[in-house]
Structure formats: structure tokens, C-alpha cells
Amino acid sequence: VQERTMFGYDDPLYGKDDCLVFGKEFWTETSSYYPIIASNAVIFITLFSLWRLLFGLLIESEALKYANAQLLKQGNKDSLIDNKRKYCESYWKTVTNALLMFYGFYAVLYASPQFWDPSLLFERWPQPMNPTNLNYYRLAIGYHGHRAIYGLFWEKKRVDWIAYVIHHWVTVLLVVFSWSCGVSQHGIIVMSLHDSADVLLSASKTLGYQNRRTALTVVLAVFTVSWIVCRLTLYPLKIIYPILVFKHRYDCHPLYWLFVVLLFILLALHWYWFKHLVMHFHRIVTKPKTNFMHDPRSGSEDDTLSGSDTHAHHD
């Protein structure tokens, strides 16, 4: 067997029948990244947890005002803490996701030409990670790690809780493996295409709690468009289709099929939640009395985006 002088796409023997010789080299190469990823995860998950606590303190008076208003309507003292928590949570997600979204757009549009030409994703492996990409990955593992842990142990259970937990842990796995396996350019595009819908969903809930119904209607419409464009159109076109078309370039990658399975799980979840959106809009058209602010991903009609209703679904 010819001795390897290069590792990755530049290797003339990459993808040949004897590609299994990559096994030991691959694990030796990637294992050095795990302590780095783990330390970044601990640091940034902690920072996002502290940021969540700080943000809650900054808007505590506003959240209490909302919770007290709901208390007068509901007459249930047990709902005071729950309403305060939901208001703080949605507001925090709106601001935090917005910051991640704008940084992600910068990382993709200005620092990742691969978005415009997906074939560039397959020119070399391992893919270089510039400082912008690295910082985006640090923010992503911190935010999604925080959400995955919080959702698993403290998140209120809802109809789609299992899908919710799967989504966040699949995201964490993709962040870790793409970082350690040298395919960070794929990860940058995947994360940025998911950010906008997260911002708009959280914003719609915050606006609902504030009873800003006109703004809420606009944001929900933009959210639906964003979901269709980013998650159901650009995500398959920019990520899944190229990774299948250029399969011969990745066939020898030890984790190729793991990446494919995880990416398809995300796509399946996108369609699962989109089904709820379609069913909700169908009810609005066929049953005019349907509350348009009912969260379409919830199984309960009492679960709404409006601050004037008894329960508010939270992501």
C-alpha cells in the first residue's frame, strides 16, 4: 500500500479501495480536538447560563409587571412565578438568538464563500477554520449545549418535547463532530440557516406576552416565510443535496453516514413542525373563530402566543 503523504482530499488515494488505512490516522487526528472542544463547551455553556441569569435580573421588573397582570386575570397565585419565567425566557431567547443570527449571517455571507458555491465545501479536507468560524462555533456549542441540558432536565414537557430534545442534541452532535472532523464550513451554513426562524419564533412569543398583536401578526408571517425558505429550501439545496452529489468525495470519511443521518433527522423535524404550521393555518381559514395566536406546534388549544391567555407555549 502506498504510504500516505497527505491527509484528506489532497491525498491522491483518498476514496480508493484501501481507504480503511485512514482509520488510525483519523482517530489520532481528531482526538486532539476533543479536549479543546470540551473546554470551550464548559466555558461557553457557563457564560450563556450566566448571561441568562443576568438578563433575567435586567428585565425582572418588566416580567413581574406582566406576571401580575396575568394574576389579576387568572386569579391563580401559582401562575405568578410561571408567567414571570416564561416572559423572561422568551425575551432572553429573542435577544440571544438575534445576536447569534446576525453573527451567523456575517460568518456565512462574508467569511464563507462556500454558501454561494457549495462545491467549494468539497475542495479540501480538513477544512480550514478562520477566527470568525471558530468564534461562531464557540457561541453555538455554548448556546445549544445550554439549551440541550436545560431542555432535558428543566424544560416544561409539551406535546413535541421529544422532538425538541432530539433537535437540540442532534445539533450538539453536529457541532462537535463537524468541529473535530474538519468539516466546519458545513456546520457554519447549517447553523446560520436555522437561526432566523429561532429569532422570529421567540420574538412572536414576546410580542404576544406584550399584547402587541399587529407586530405579532407580521412576525408570524415572516417566521413562516423564513421557515420555508431557510429550513425547507436552502438547507436541502445548500447542504443535503451537495453532500449526496459529492458523495464520492466523502465516501471514505469514517463519519460520513453519521453526518448524513443527523442532517436528515434535522430535515425530518423541520417537516414535522411545518405540518403543524400548515394545520394551524388551515384551521384559521376553515374556522374563522380559531385563535391565530395559538402556538401551531402545540397539541392544546389553550397553548397560545398571547399574553392574555391562560397558558403560553414556550420553546
Protein backbone atom coordinates (compact mmCIF):
# COMPACT_ATOMS: atom_id res chain seq x y z
CA VAL A 1 0.00 0.00 0.00
CA GLN A 2 1.36 3.41 -0.95
CA GLU A 3 2.46 5.42 2.10
CA ARG A 4 0.27 8.42 2.88
CA THR A 5 1.96 11.79 2.44
CA MET A 6 -1.25 13.84 2.74
CA PHE A 7 -4.47 13.60 4.71
CA GLY A 8 -7.85 14.40 3.21
CA TYR A 9 -8.99 15.35 -0.28
CA ASP A 10 -5.48 16.32 -1.40
CA ASP A 11 -4.40 12.73 -0.95
CA PRO A 12 -4.43 11.11 -4.44
CA LEU A 13 -5.52 7.81 -2.85
CA TYR A 14 -8.42 9.34 -0.95
CA GLY A 15 -11.59 7.34 -1.58
CA LYS A 16 -9.81 4.37 -3.11
CA ASP A 17 -10.40 0.77 -2.11
CA ASP A 18 -7.73 0.90 0.56
CA CYS A 19 -9.28 3.91 2.31
CA LEU A 20 -9.60 2.00 5.58
CA VAL A 21 -5.97 2.86 6.31
CA PHE A 22 -7.40 6.23 7.32
CA GLY A 23 -8.88 4.65 10.44
CA LYS A 24 -5.99 5.00 12.88
CA GLU A 25 -4.81 8.30 11.38
CA PHE A 26 -8.32 9.71 11.51
CA TRP A 27 -8.92 8.97 15.18
CA THR A 28 -5.42 10.15 16.09
CA GLU A 29 -6.04 13.38 14.16
CA THR A 30 -9.47 14.11 15.61
CA SER A 31 -8.84 13.00 19.20
CA SER A 32 -6.61 16.02 19.76
CA TYR A 33 -9.62 18.30 19.23
CA TYR A 34 -11.86 16.84 21.93
CA PRO A 35 -10.12 18.44 24.95
CA ILE A 36 -10.29 21.79 23.12
CA ILE A 37 -13.98 21.33 22.31
CA ALA A 38 -14.76 20.17 25.85
CA SER A 39 -13.03 23.17 27.43
CA ASN A 40 -14.83 25.56 25.08
CA ALA A 41 -18.13 23.84 25.85
CA VAL A 42 -17.66 24.22 29.60
CA ILE A 43 -16.66 27.87 29.28
CA PHE A 44 -19.37 28.97 26.86
CA ILE A 45 -22.21 26.91 28.36
CA THR A 46 -21.34 28.57 31.67
CA LEU A 47 -21.26 32.01 30.03
CA PHE A 48 -24.65 31.52 28.41
CA SER A 49 -26.08 30.30 31.72
CA LEU A 50 -24.73 33.39 33.50
CA TRP A 51 -25.99 35.62 30.67
CA ARG A 52 -29.45 34.10 31.11
CA LEU A 53 -29.43 34.86 34.83
CA LEU A 54 -28.16 38.41 34.27
CA PHE A 55 -30.74 39.11 31.58
CA GLY A 56 -33.49 37.86 33.89
CA LEU A 57 -32.37 40.35 36.54
CA LEU A 58 -32.29 43.20 33.99
CA ILE A 59 -35.91 42.67 32.94
CA GLU A 60 -37.24 41.44 36.30
CA SER A 61 -39.47 44.45 36.89
CA GLU A 62 -40.96 44.18 33.39
CA ALA A 63 -41.53 40.45 33.82
CA LEU A 64 -43.18 40.99 37.21
CA LYS A 65 -45.47 43.60 35.71
CA TYR A 66 -46.60 41.09 33.08
CA ALA A 67 -46.97 38.28 35.64
CA ASN A 68 -49.04 40.47 38.00
CA ALA A 69 -51.33 41.50 35.14
CA GLN A 70 -51.91 37.83 34.35
CA LEU A 71 -52.51 37.12 38.03
CA LEU A 72 -55.37 39.63 38.10
CA LYS A 73 -56.96 37.94 35.07
CA GLN A 74 -56.40 34.34 36.17
CA GLY A 75 -56.73 34.62 39.94
CA ASN A 76 -54.20 31.81 40.36
CA LYS A 77 -51.23 32.70 42.55
CA ASP A 78 -49.36 29.59 41.38
CA SER A 79 -49.17 31.09 37.88
CA LEU A 80 -47.20 34.17 39.02
CA ILE A 81 -43.77 32.52 39.00
CA ASP A 82 -44.55 30.52 35.85
CA ASN A 83 -45.66 33.61 33.90
CA LYS A 84 -42.60 35.55 35.05
CA ARG A 85 -40.33 32.70 33.96
CA LYS A 86 -41.99 32.38 30.54
CA TYR A 87 -41.71 36.11 29.87
CA CYS A 88 -38.01 36.20 30.83
CA GLU A 89 -37.29 33.05 28.84
CA SER A 90 -38.88 34.24 25.60
CA TYR A 91 -37.30 37.69 25.90
CA TRP A 92 -33.87 36.15 26.55
CA LYS A 93 -34.20 33.79 23.57
CA THR A 94 -35.25 36.67 21.31
CA VAL A 95 -32.22 38.80 22.17
CA THR A 96 -29.72 35.93 22.30
CA ASN A 97 -30.91 34.31 19.07
CA ALA A 98 -30.85 37.69 17.32
CA LEU A 99 -27.19 38.17 18.28
CA LEU A 100 -26.35 34.66 17.07
CA MET A 101 -28.31 35.21 13.84
CA PHE A 102 -26.51 38.42 12.90
CA TYR A 103 -23.12 36.93 13.69
CA GLY A 104 -24.06 33.81 11.71
CA PHE A 105 -25.09 35.90 8.71
CA TYR A 106 -21.72 37.66 8.88
CA ALA A 107 -19.89 34.33 9.14
CA VAL A 108 -21.69 32.93 6.09
CA LEU A 109 -22.08 35.94 3.79
CA TYR A 110 -18.65 37.49 4.32
CA ALA A 111 -16.40 34.77 5.70
CA SER A 112 -17.75 31.63 3.99
CA PRO A 113 -17.90 31.75 0.18
CA GLN A 114 -19.00 28.11 0.30
CA PHE A 115 -22.58 29.27 0.83
CA TRP A 116 -22.69 30.74 -2.67
CA ASP A 117 -20.85 27.82 -4.26
CA PRO A 118 -21.42 24.56 -2.31
CA SER A 119 -18.86 22.74 -4.48
CA LEU A 120 -16.20 24.66 -2.52
CA LEU A 121 -17.20 22.59 0.51
CA PHE A 122 -15.57 19.59 -1.13
CA GLU A 123 -12.30 21.10 -2.35
CA ARG A 124 -10.25 20.16 0.67
CA TRP A 125 -10.47 18.28 3.88
CA PRO A 126 -9.86 19.04 6.68
CA GLN A 127 -11.48 22.43 6.03
CA PRO A 128 -9.71 25.49 7.45
CA MET A 129 -11.41 27.26 10.35
CA ASN A 130 -10.82 31.01 10.38
CA PRO A 131 -11.28 33.11 13.57
CA THR A 132 -14.84 34.07 12.57
CA ASN A 133 -15.80 30.43 12.15
CA LEU A 134 -14.14 29.48 15.43
CA ASN A 135 -16.00 32.17 17.39
CA TYR A 136 -19.31 31.12 15.80
CA TYR A 137 -18.65 27.53 16.82
CA ARG A 138 -17.85 28.61 20.37
CA LEU A 139 -21.09 30.56 20.58
CA ALA A 140 -23.04 27.68 19.02
CA ILE A 141 -21.75 24.99 21.38
CA GLY A 142 -22.37 27.30 24.33
CA TYR A 143 -25.94 28.19 23.34
CA HIS A 144 -27.09 24.80 22.07
CA GLY A 145 -25.31 22.99 24.89
CA HIS A 146 -27.08 25.21 27.41
CA ARG A 147 -30.45 24.67 25.69
CA ALA A 148 -29.94 20.90 25.39
CA ILE A 149 -29.11 20.50 29.09
CA TYR A 150 -31.84 22.89 30.23
CA GLY A 151 -34.42 21.30 27.94
CA LEU A 152 -33.59 17.78 29.11
CA PHE A 153 -33.78 18.44 32.85
CA TRP A 154 -35.82 21.62 33.46
CA GLU A 155 -37.89 22.40 30.35
CA LYS A 156 -41.65 22.09 30.76
CA LYS A 157 -42.88 18.97 28.97
CA ARG A 158 -45.09 19.64 25.94
CA VAL A 159 -46.52 17.64 23.05
CA ASP A 160 -43.36 17.95 20.93
CA TRP A 161 -40.91 17.67 23.85
CA ILE A 162 -39.24 14.55 22.45
CA ALA A 163 -38.73 16.22 19.06
CA TYR A 164 -37.44 19.31 20.85
CA VAL A 165 -34.85 17.33 22.84
CA ILE A 166 -33.79 15.33 19.78
CA HIS A 167 -33.35 18.54 17.78
CA HIS A 168 -31.02 20.14 20.32
CA TRP A 169 -28.92 17.04 20.94
CA VAL A 170 -28.58 16.33 17.21
CA THR A 171 -27.42 19.94 16.83
CA VAL A 172 -24.85 19.49 19.61
CA LEU A 173 -23.53 16.29 17.99
CA LEU A 174 -23.23 18.00 14.61
CA VAL A 175 -21.36 20.92 16.16
CA VAL A 176 -18.92 18.62 17.98
CA PHE A 177 -18.29 16.19 15.11
CA SER A 178 -18.04 18.85 12.38
CA TRP A 179 -15.60 20.79 14.56
CA SER A 180 -13.41 17.78 15.35
CA CYS A 181 -13.62 16.14 11.91
CA GLY A 182 -12.62 19.17 9.85
CA VAL A 183 -15.95 19.95 8.15
CA SER A 184 -16.68 23.23 9.91
CA GLN A 185 -17.75 25.00 6.71
CA HIS A 186 -20.75 22.68 6.52
CA GLY A 187 -21.55 23.45 10.14
CA ILE A 188 -21.40 27.22 9.62
CA ILE A 189 -24.02 27.05 6.87
CA VAL A 190 -26.28 24.63 8.76
CA MET A 191 -26.31 26.78 11.90
CA SER A 192 -26.87 30.07 10.10
CA LEU A 193 -29.85 28.68 8.17
CA HIS A 194 -31.53 27.73 11.46
CA ASP A 195 -31.00 30.98 13.37
CA SER A 196 -33.59 33.27 11.76
CA ALA A 197 -36.61 31.07 12.49
CA ASP A 198 -35.50 30.72 16.12
CA VAL A 199 -35.34 34.50 16.49
CA LEU A 200 -38.75 35.07 14.94
CA LEU A 201 -40.47 32.35 16.98
CA SER A 202 -39.10 33.72 20.25
CA ALA A 203 -39.97 37.28 19.19
CA SER A 204 -43.55 36.27 18.38
CA LYS A 205 -43.99 34.90 21.89
CA THR A 206 -42.51 38.01 23.49
CA LEU A 207 -44.80 40.24 21.42
CA GLY A 208 -47.75 38.05 22.39
CA TYR A 209 -46.96 38.49 26.07
CA GLN A 210 -46.79 42.26 25.47
CA ASN A 211 -50.17 42.19 23.63
CA ARG A 212 -48.64 43.83 20.55
CA ARG A 213 -50.92 41.95 18.19
CA THR A 214 -50.23 43.83 14.96
CA ALA A 215 -46.49 43.33 15.32
CA LEU A 216 -47.10 39.70 16.30
CA THR A 217 -49.09 39.06 13.13
CA VAL A 218 -46.28 40.46 10.98
CA VAL A 219 -43.60 38.48 12.80
CA LEU A 220 -45.57 35.23 12.50
CA ALA A 221 -45.92 35.79 8.75
CA VAL A 222 -42.19 36.46 8.39
CA PHE A 223 -41.45 33.44 10.59
CA THR A 224 -43.44 31.18 8.26
CA VAL A 225 -41.64 32.53 5.19
CA SER A 226 -38.28 32.16 6.92
CA TRP A 227 -39.08 28.54 7.84
CA ILE A 228 -39.97 27.67 4.24
CA VAL A 229 -37.02 29.50 2.67
CA CYS A 230 -34.25 28.62 5.12
CA ARG A 231 -35.16 25.24 6.59
CA LEU A 232 -37.18 23.61 3.83
CA THR A 233 -35.48 25.08 0.74
CA LEU A 234 -31.95 26.42 1.30
CA TYR A 235 -31.00 23.77 3.87
CA PRO A 236 -31.63 20.83 1.49
CA LEU A 237 -30.18 22.73 -1.51
CA LYS A 238 -27.05 24.03 0.19
CA ILE A 239 -26.24 21.09 2.47
CA ILE A 240 -28.06 17.81 1.87
CA TYR A 241 -28.14 17.82 -1.94
CA PRO A 242 -24.41 18.70 -2.32
CA ILE A 243 -23.30 16.15 0.27
CA LEU A 244 -25.12 13.45 -1.70
CA VAL A 245 -23.98 14.68 -5.13
CA PHE A 246 -20.36 14.84 -3.98
CA LYS A 247 -20.68 11.54 -2.13
CA HIS A 248 -17.59 10.17 -3.85
CA ARG A 249 -15.54 12.88 -2.13
CA TYR A 250 -16.73 11.87 1.33
CA ASP A 251 -17.25 8.13 0.98
CA CYS A 252 -14.02 7.37 2.77
CA HIS A 253 -14.76 9.70 5.68
CA PRO A 254 -15.25 7.44 8.73
CA LEU A 255 -18.25 9.50 9.91
CA TYR A 256 -19.83 10.27 6.53
CA TRP A 257 -23.01 8.29 7.13
CA LEU A 258 -23.36 9.57 10.68
CA PHE A 259 -23.36 13.13 9.32
CA VAL A 260 -25.92 12.19 6.66
CA VAL A 261 -28.25 10.58 9.22
CA LEU A 262 -28.03 13.54 11.61
CA LEU A 263 -28.68 16.03 8.80
CA PHE A 264 -31.72 14.08 7.63
CA ILE A 265 -33.05 13.93 11.20
CA LEU A 266 -33.00 17.74 11.27
CA LEU A 267 -34.80 17.88 7.92
CA ALA A 268 -37.46 15.42 9.13
CA LEU A 269 -38.04 17.56 12.23
CA HIS A 270 -38.39 20.64 10.03
CA TRP A 271 -41.20 18.96 8.09
CA TYR A 272 -42.76 17.62 11.30
CA TRP A 273 -43.09 21.15 12.72
CA PHE A 274 -44.09 22.60 9.35
CA LYS A 275 -47.00 20.14 9.32
CA HIS A 276 -48.27 21.82 12.49
CA LEU A 277 -47.95 25.23 10.85
CA VAL A 278 -49.98 24.11 7.84
CA MET A 279 -52.65 22.53 10.04
CA HIS A 280 -52.88 25.72 12.09
CA PHE A 281 -53.31 27.98 9.06
CA HIS A 282 -55.87 25.56 7.64
CA ARG A 283 -57.90 25.88 10.85
CA ILE A 284 -57.72 29.67 10.61
CA VAL A 285 -59.12 29.58 7.06
CA THR A 286 -61.82 26.96 7.66
CA LYS A 287 -62.72 28.01 11.22
CA PRO A 288 -62.65 31.82 11.49
CA LYS A 289 -63.01 31.70 15.29
CA THR A 290 -59.67 29.90 15.64
CA ASN A 291 -57.21 31.89 17.74
CA PHE A 292 -54.46 32.79 15.27
CA MET A 293 -52.04 33.24 18.18
CA HIS A 294 -52.37 29.61 19.26
CA ASP A 295 -48.92 28.06 19.04
CA PRO A 296 -49.20 25.74 16.00
CA ARG A 297 -46.66 23.26 17.37
CA SER A 298 -48.70 22.61 20.50
CA GLY A 299 -51.35 19.97 20.86
CA SER A 300 -53.55 22.13 23.10
CA GLU A 301 -55.82 24.92 22.03
CA ASP A 302 -55.08 26.59 25.36
CA ASP A 303 -51.42 26.87 24.44
CA THR A 304 -51.03 30.27 22.86
CA LEU A 305 -48.62 33.02 21.96
CA SER A 306 -50.85 35.63 23.54
CA GLY A 307 -50.16 37.19 26.89
CA SER A 308 -53.90 37.46 27.53
CA ASP A 309 -54.48 33.70 27.53
CA THR A 310 -54.07 31.24 30.34
CA HIS A 311 -51.08 29.30 29.03
CA ALA A 312 -48.22 30.28 26.76
CA HIS A 313 -46.28 27.61 24.95
CA HIS A 314 -42.52 28.06 25.17
CA ASP A 315 -39.74 26.74 23.01
